[in-house]
Amino acid sequence: MEELAFDFQGRGGPLDIYSSATPAPLVRCLAEFTLGLLTLRAANRLSTYRIAGAGLAALITAATLLLLVAMPGWDVLAVLLFPVLLLCLSPQQGLLGRMLGARIPYRLGEWSYAIYLIHGKFTVLDDMLSRALANDLPFAGPIAAALTSAAVIGCAAVIHACIELPCRRLLRLRPPP
């Protein structure tokens, strides 16, 4: 059972599992996926109701999540609070719900899976840009990060449109529009 032990070298908590040599990352992902599906079902059932205070609850939950994510070792509680945040945001009430439902955050949410899948491949670009700009610009690191982020988002948008959406249609056995 030692091979399933968590590796805390430079990691933030018990759910920060990354070694592909064990089934632990797969188990974590399946558990979080299941939690997401249960949250979606709950949100669909609640969608006809106006939840009093959902906007304020979303702000408080989001602030709590930001604190938990910033503190090593609290990732289990953060994962358990994400469904609460999603349920609070599902009626799209309040400031945070309206902000996240706006066009740009909504698009980034649609592209988020592609961003998640490809962002690690762009670390070389970020390093190269940082080094290339270091002699000429005072804020080379942040500029390189912004340019790299733009490249990641652009590639993710293309991947979403050219791979993810067609695959979804295929899985649903629907002909393309």
C-alpha atoms as a PDB file:
ATOM      1  CA  MET A   1       0.000   0.000   0.000  1.00  0.00           C
ATOM      2  CA  GLU A   2       3.059   2.238   0.231  1.00  0.00           C
ATOM      3  CA  GLU A   3       2.888   2.959  -3.506  1.00  0.00           C
ATOM      4  CA  LEU A   4      -0.449   4.740  -2.946  1.00  0.00           C
ATOM      5  CA  ALA A   5       1.083   7.061  -0.350  1.00  0.00           C
ATOM      6  CA  PHE A   6       0.825  10.736  -1.109  1.00  0.00           C
ATOM      7  CA  ASP A   7       3.957  12.473  -2.309  1.00  0.00           C
ATOM      8  CA  PHE A   8       4.207  15.861  -0.626  1.00  0.00           C
ATOM      9  CA  GLN A   9       7.419  16.995  -2.351  1.00  0.00           C
ATOM     10  CA  GLY A  10       6.550  20.560  -3.234  1.00  0.00           C
ATOM     11  CA  ARG A  11       2.851  19.785  -3.180  1.00  0.00           C
ATOM     12  CA  GLY A  12       0.054  21.485  -1.285  1.00  0.00           C
ATOM     13  CA  GLY A  13      -2.140  18.792   0.227  1.00  0.00           C
ATOM     14  CA  PRO A  14      -3.495  15.266   0.186  1.00  0.00           C
ATOM     15  CA  LEU A  15      -5.411  15.747  -3.087  1.00  0.00           C
ATOM     16  CA  ASP A  16      -2.387  17.150  -4.900  1.00  0.00           C
ATOM     17  CA  ILE A  17      -1.679  13.742  -6.400  1.00  0.00           C
ATOM     18  CA  TYR A  18       0.250  13.714  -9.636  1.00  0.00           C
ATOM     19  CA  SER A  19       2.278  10.520  -9.968  1.00  0.00           C
ATOM     20  CA  SER A  20       1.098   8.458 -12.918  1.00  0.00           C
ATOM     21  CA  ALA A  21       2.771   5.413 -11.370  1.00  0.00           C
ATOM     22  CA  THR A  22      -0.227   4.893  -9.067  1.00  0.00           C
ATOM     23  CA  PRO A  23      -3.995   4.851  -9.583  1.00  0.00           C
ATOM     24  CA  ALA A  24      -4.403   7.676  -7.041  1.00  0.00           C
ATOM     25  CA  PRO A  25      -4.776  10.530  -9.594  1.00  0.00           C
ATOM     26  CA  LEU A  26      -7.411   8.538 -11.494  1.00  0.00           C
ATOM     27  CA  VAL A  27      -9.314   7.807  -8.288  1.00  0.00           C
ATOM     28  CA  ARG A  28      -9.186  11.492  -7.343  1.00  0.00           C
ATOM     29  CA  CYS A  29     -10.389  12.579 -10.791  1.00  0.00           C
ATOM     30  CA  LEU A  30     -13.240  10.051 -10.822  1.00  0.00           C
ATOM     31  CA  ALA A  31     -14.328  11.122  -7.341  1.00  0.00           C
ATOM     32  CA  GLU A  32     -14.299  14.807  -8.313  1.00  0.00           C
ATOM     33  CA  PHE A  33     -16.107  14.017 -11.586  1.00  0.00           C
ATOM     34  CA  THR A  34     -18.806  12.144  -9.650  1.00  0.00           C
ATOM     35  CA  LEU A  35     -19.117  15.044  -7.219  1.00  0.00           C
ATOM     36  CA  GLY A  36     -19.513  17.358 -10.216  1.00  0.00           C
ATOM     37  CA  LEU A  37     -22.265  15.203 -11.724  1.00  0.00           C
ATOM     38  CA  LEU A  38     -24.129  15.106  -8.411  1.00  0.00           C
ATOM     39  CA  THR A  39     -23.809  18.883  -8.187  1.00  0.00           C
ATOM     40  CA  LEU A  40     -25.185  19.259 -11.720  1.00  0.00           C
ATOM     41  CA  ARG A  41     -28.196  17.097 -10.847  1.00  0.00           C
ATOM     42  CA  ALA A  42     -28.824  19.125  -7.697  1.00  0.00           C
ATOM     43  CA  ALA A  43     -28.479  22.399  -9.623  1.00  0.00           C
ATOM     44  CA  ASN A  44     -30.936  21.174 -12.284  1.00  0.00           C
ATOM     45  CA  ARG A  45     -33.472  20.332  -9.584  1.00  0.00           C
ATOM     46  CA  LEU A  46     -32.982  23.706  -7.921  1.00  0.00           C
ATOM     47  CA  SER A  47     -33.035  25.666 -11.187  1.00  0.00           C
ATOM     48  CA  THR A  48     -36.743  26.437 -10.897  1.00  0.00           C
ATOM     49  CA  TYR A  49     -36.297  27.956  -7.447  1.00  0.00           C
ATOM     50  CA  ARG A  50     -34.936  31.370  -6.606  1.00  0.00           C
ATOM     51  CA  ILE A  51     -32.549  30.745  -3.772  1.00  0.00           C
ATOM     52  CA  ALA A  52     -32.696  33.584  -1.278  1.00  0.00           C
ATOM     53  CA  GLY A  53     -29.243  34.940  -0.527  1.00  0.00           C
ATOM     54  CA  ALA A  54     -27.551  32.861  -3.244  1.00  0.00           C
ATOM     55  CA  GLY A  55     -25.529  35.882  -4.402  1.00  0.00           C
ATOM     56  CA  LEU A  56     -24.151  36.640  -0.940  1.00  0.00           C
ATOM     57  CA  ALA A  57     -23.563  32.955  -0.244  1.00  0.00           C
ATOM     58  CA  ALA A  58     -21.619  32.684  -3.525  1.00  0.00           C
ATOM     59  CA  LEU A  59     -19.382  35.628  -2.560  1.00  0.00           C
ATOM     60  CA  ILE A  60     -18.695  34.191   0.901  1.00  0.00           C
ATOM     61  CA  THR A  61     -18.050  30.697  -0.481  1.00  0.00           C
ATOM     62  CA  ALA A  62     -15.759  32.046  -3.225  1.00  0.00           C
ATOM     63  CA  ALA A  63     -13.756  34.085  -0.695  1.00  0.00           C
ATOM     64  CA  THR A  64     -13.453  31.042   1.564  1.00  0.00           C
ATOM     65  CA  LEU A  65     -12.318  28.910  -1.361  1.00  0.00           C
ATOM     66  CA  LEU A  66      -9.657  31.437  -2.340  1.00  0.00           C
ATOM     67  CA  LEU A  67      -8.291  31.314   1.207  1.00  0.00           C
ATOM     68  CA  LEU A  68      -8.360  27.518   1.325  1.00  0.00           C
ATOM     69  CA  VAL A  69      -6.642  27.138  -2.035  1.00  0.00           C
ATOM     70  CA  ALA A  70      -3.885  29.501  -0.878  1.00  0.00           C
ATOM     71  CA  MET A  71      -3.228  27.447   2.270  1.00  0.00           C
ATOM     72  CA  PRO A  72      -1.369  24.129   1.835  1.00  0.00           C
ATOM     73  CA  GLY A  73      -3.176  21.088   3.179  1.00  0.00           C
ATOM     74  CA  TRP A  74      -6.751  22.399   2.944  1.00  0.00           C
ATOM     75  CA  ASP A  75      -7.526  21.038  -0.511  1.00  0.00           C
ATOM     76  CA  VAL A  76     -10.025  18.403   0.699  1.00  0.00           C
ATOM     77  CA  LEU A  77     -12.227  21.087   2.242  1.00  0.00           C
ATOM     78  CA  ALA A  78     -11.835  23.228  -0.888  1.00  0.00           C
ATOM     79  CA  VAL A  79     -13.015  20.367  -3.113  1.00  0.00           C
ATOM     80  CA  LEU A  80     -16.035  19.866  -0.851  1.00  0.00           C
ATOM     81  CA  LEU A  81     -16.887  23.586  -0.995  1.00  0.00           C
ATOM     82  CA  PHE A  82     -16.799  23.806  -4.807  1.00  0.00           C
ATOM     83  CA  PRO A  83     -20.224  22.134  -5.157  1.00  0.00           C
ATOM     84  CA  VAL A  84     -21.616  24.649  -2.661  1.00  0.00           C
ATOM     85  CA  LEU A  85     -20.215  27.490  -4.783  1.00  0.00           C
ATOM     86  CA  LEU A  86     -21.630  25.981  -7.976  1.00  0.00           C
ATOM     87  CA  LEU A  87     -25.062  25.558  -6.398  1.00  0.00           C
ATOM     88  CA  CYS A  88     -24.982  29.171  -5.201  1.00  0.00           C
ATOM     89  CA  LEU A  89     -23.972  30.338  -8.687  1.00  0.00           C
ATOM     90  CA  SER A  90     -26.470  28.174 -10.575  1.00  0.00           C
ATOM     91  CA  PRO A  91     -29.384  30.650 -10.322  1.00  0.00           C
ATOM     92  CA  GLN A  92     -26.996  33.346 -11.681  1.00  0.00           C
ATOM     93  CA  GLN A  93     -28.041  35.790  -9.008  1.00  0.00           C
ATOM     94  CA  GLY A  94     -25.850  38.355  -7.335  1.00  0.00           C
ATOM     95  CA  LEU A  95     -22.729  40.164  -8.439  1.00  0.00           C
ATOM     96  CA  LEU A  96     -20.439  37.124  -8.697  1.00  0.00           C
ATOM     97  CA  GLY A  97     -23.026  35.082 -10.614  1.00  0.00           C
ATOM     98  CA  ARG A  98     -23.540  37.883 -13.126  1.00  0.00           C
ATOM     99  CA  MET A  99     -19.791  38.511 -13.478  1.00  0.00           C
ATOM    100  CA  LEU A 100     -19.002  34.851 -14.126  1.00  0.00           C
ATOM    101  CA  GLY A 101     -21.948  34.576 -16.505  1.00  0.00           C
ATOM    102  CA  ALA A 102     -20.657  37.466 -18.625  1.00  0.00           C
ATOM    103  CA  ARG A 103     -19.330  36.717 -22.102  1.00  0.00           C
ATOM    104  CA  ILE A 104     -15.557  36.493 -21.473  1.00  0.00           C
ATOM    105  CA  PRO A 105     -15.622  34.415 -18.254  1.00  0.00           C
ATOM    106  CA  TYR A 106     -18.273  32.179 -19.827  1.00  0.00           C
ATOM    107  CA  ARG A 107     -16.068  31.537 -22.882  1.00  0.00           C
ATOM    108  CA  LEU A 108     -13.030  30.861 -20.691  1.00  0.00           C
ATOM    109  CA  GLY A 109     -15.167  28.346 -18.803  1.00  0.00           C
ATOM    110  CA  GLU A 110     -16.075  26.628 -22.052  1.00  0.00           C
ATOM    111  CA  TRP A 111     -12.406  26.440 -22.995  1.00  0.00           C
ATOM    112  CA  SER A 112     -11.226  25.492 -19.497  1.00  0.00           C
ATOM    113  CA  TYR A 113     -10.876  21.767 -20.173  1.00  0.00           C
ATOM    114  CA  ALA A 114      -8.677  22.427 -23.198  1.00  0.00           C
ATOM    115  CA  ILE A 115      -6.703  24.986 -21.163  1.00  0.00           C
ATOM    116  CA  TYR A 116      -6.244  22.381 -18.436  1.00  0.00           C
ATOM    117  CA  LEU A 117      -5.034  19.791 -20.931  1.00  0.00           C
ATOM    118  CA  ILE A 118      -2.484  21.950 -22.773  1.00  0.00           C
ATOM    119  CA  HIS A 119      -1.214  24.595 -20.364  1.00  0.00           C
ATOM    120  CA  GLY A 120       1.724  22.496 -19.148  1.00  0.00           C
ATOM    121  CA  LYS A 121       3.090  22.276 -22.671  1.00  0.00           C
ATOM    122  CA  PHE A 122       3.635  26.034 -22.738  1.00  0.00           C
ATOM    123  CA  THR A 123       6.140  26.292 -19.874  1.00  0.00           C
ATOM    124  CA  VAL A 124       9.019  26.166 -22.370  1.00  0.00           C
ATOM    125  CA  LEU A 125       7.518  29.126 -24.262  1.00  0.00           C
ATOM    126  CA  ASP A 126       7.146  31.073 -21.021  1.00  0.00           C
ATOM    127  CA  ASP A 127      10.765  30.383 -20.056  1.00  0.00           C
ATOM    128  CA  MET A 128      12.051  31.331 -23.517  1.00  0.00           C
ATOM    129  CA  LEU A 129      10.056  34.570 -23.565  1.00  0.00           C
ATOM    130  CA  SER A 130      11.175  35.491 -20.047  1.00  0.00           C
ATOM    131  CA  ARG A 131      14.818  35.027 -20.970  1.00  0.00           C
ATOM    132  CA  ALA A 132      14.476  36.803 -24.323  1.00  0.00           C
ATOM    133  CA  LEU A 133      12.735  39.831 -22.798  1.00  0.00           C
ATOM    134  CA  ALA A 134      14.776  40.020 -19.586  1.00  0.00           C
ATOM    135  CA  ASN A 135      17.484  42.298 -21.014  1.00  0.00           C
ATOM    136  CA  ASP A 136      15.103  44.732 -22.700  1.00  0.00           C
ATOM    137  CA  LEU A 137      12.078  45.034 -20.400  1.00  0.00           C
ATOM    138  CA  PRO A 138      11.783  45.664 -16.667  1.00  0.00           C
ATOM    139  CA  PHE A 139       8.746  43.370 -16.242  1.00  0.00           C
ATOM    140  CA  ALA A 140       9.838  40.507 -18.493  1.00  0.00           C
ATOM    141  CA  GLY A 141       8.308  37.760 -16.301  1.00  0.00           C
ATOM    142  CA  PRO A 142       4.757  39.158 -16.158  1.00  0.00           C
ATOM    143  CA  ILE A 143       4.873  40.118 -19.856  1.00  0.00           C
ATOM    144  CA  ALA A 144       6.033  36.609 -20.791  1.00  0.00           C
ATOM    145  CA  ALA A 145       3.292  35.123 -18.601  1.00  0.00           C
ATOM    146  CA  ALA A 146       0.648  37.321 -20.277  1.00  0.00           C
ATOM    147  CA  LEU A 147       1.847  36.405 -23.773  1.00  0.00           C
ATOM    148  CA  THR A 148       2.027  32.723 -22.876  1.00  0.00           C
ATOM    149  CA  SER A 149      -1.463  32.866 -21.353  1.00  0.00           C
ATOM    150  CA  ALA A 150      -2.780  34.441 -24.545  1.00  0.00           C
ATOM    151  CA  ALA A 151      -1.184  31.636 -26.577  1.00  0.00           C
ATOM    152  CA  VAL A 152      -2.662  28.972 -24.283  1.00  0.00           C
ATOM    153  CA  ILE A 153      -6.137  30.542 -24.476  1.00  0.00           C
ATOM    154  CA  GLY A 154      -5.939  30.899 -28.269  1.00  0.00           C
ATOM    155  CA  CYS A 155      -4.873  27.277 -28.725  1.00  0.00           C
ATOM    156  CA  ALA A 156      -7.531  26.116 -26.254  1.00  0.00           C
ATOM    157  CA  ALA A 157     -10.230  27.953 -28.221  1.00  0.00           C
ATOM    158  CA  VAL A 158      -9.149  26.174 -31.409  1.00  0.00           C
ATOM    159  CA  ILE A 159      -8.975  22.792 -29.647  1.00  0.00           C
ATOM    160  CA  HIS A 160     -12.425  23.359 -28.146  1.00  0.00           C
ATOM    161  CA  ALA A 161     -13.930  24.237 -31.526  1.00  0.00           C
ATOM    162  CA  CYS A 162     -12.093  21.657 -33.648  1.00  0.00           C
ATOM    163  CA  ILE A 163     -11.837  18.682 -31.294  1.00  0.00           C
ATOM    164  CA  GLU A 164     -13.982  18.978 -28.169  1.00  0.00           C
ATOM    165  CA  LEU A 165     -17.269  20.114 -29.749  1.00  0.00           C
ATOM    166  CA  PRO A 166     -17.139  17.619 -32.655  1.00  0.00           C
ATOM    167  CA  CYS A 167     -16.323  14.819 -30.196  1.00  0.00           C
ATOM    168  CA  ARG A 168     -19.269  15.820 -28.006  1.00  0.00           C
ATOM    169  CA  ARG A 169     -21.555  15.670 -31.042  1.00  0.00           C
ATOM    170  CA  LEU A 170     -20.141  12.274 -31.955  1.00  0.00           C
ATOM    171  CA  LEU A 171     -20.674  10.962 -28.442  1.00  0.00           C
ATOM    172  CA  ARG A 172     -24.261  12.174 -28.486  1.00  0.00           C
ATOM    173  CA  LEU A 173     -24.732  10.618 -31.926  1.00  0.00           C
ATOM    174  CA  ARG A 174     -26.025  13.861 -33.334  1.00  0.00           C
ATOM    175  CA  PRO A 175     -25.133  15.014 -36.806  1.00  0.00           C
ATOM    176  CA  PRO A 176     -23.232  18.320 -36.944  1.00  0.00           C
ATOM    177  CA  PRO A 177     -25.433  21.382 -37.514  1.00  0.00           C
END
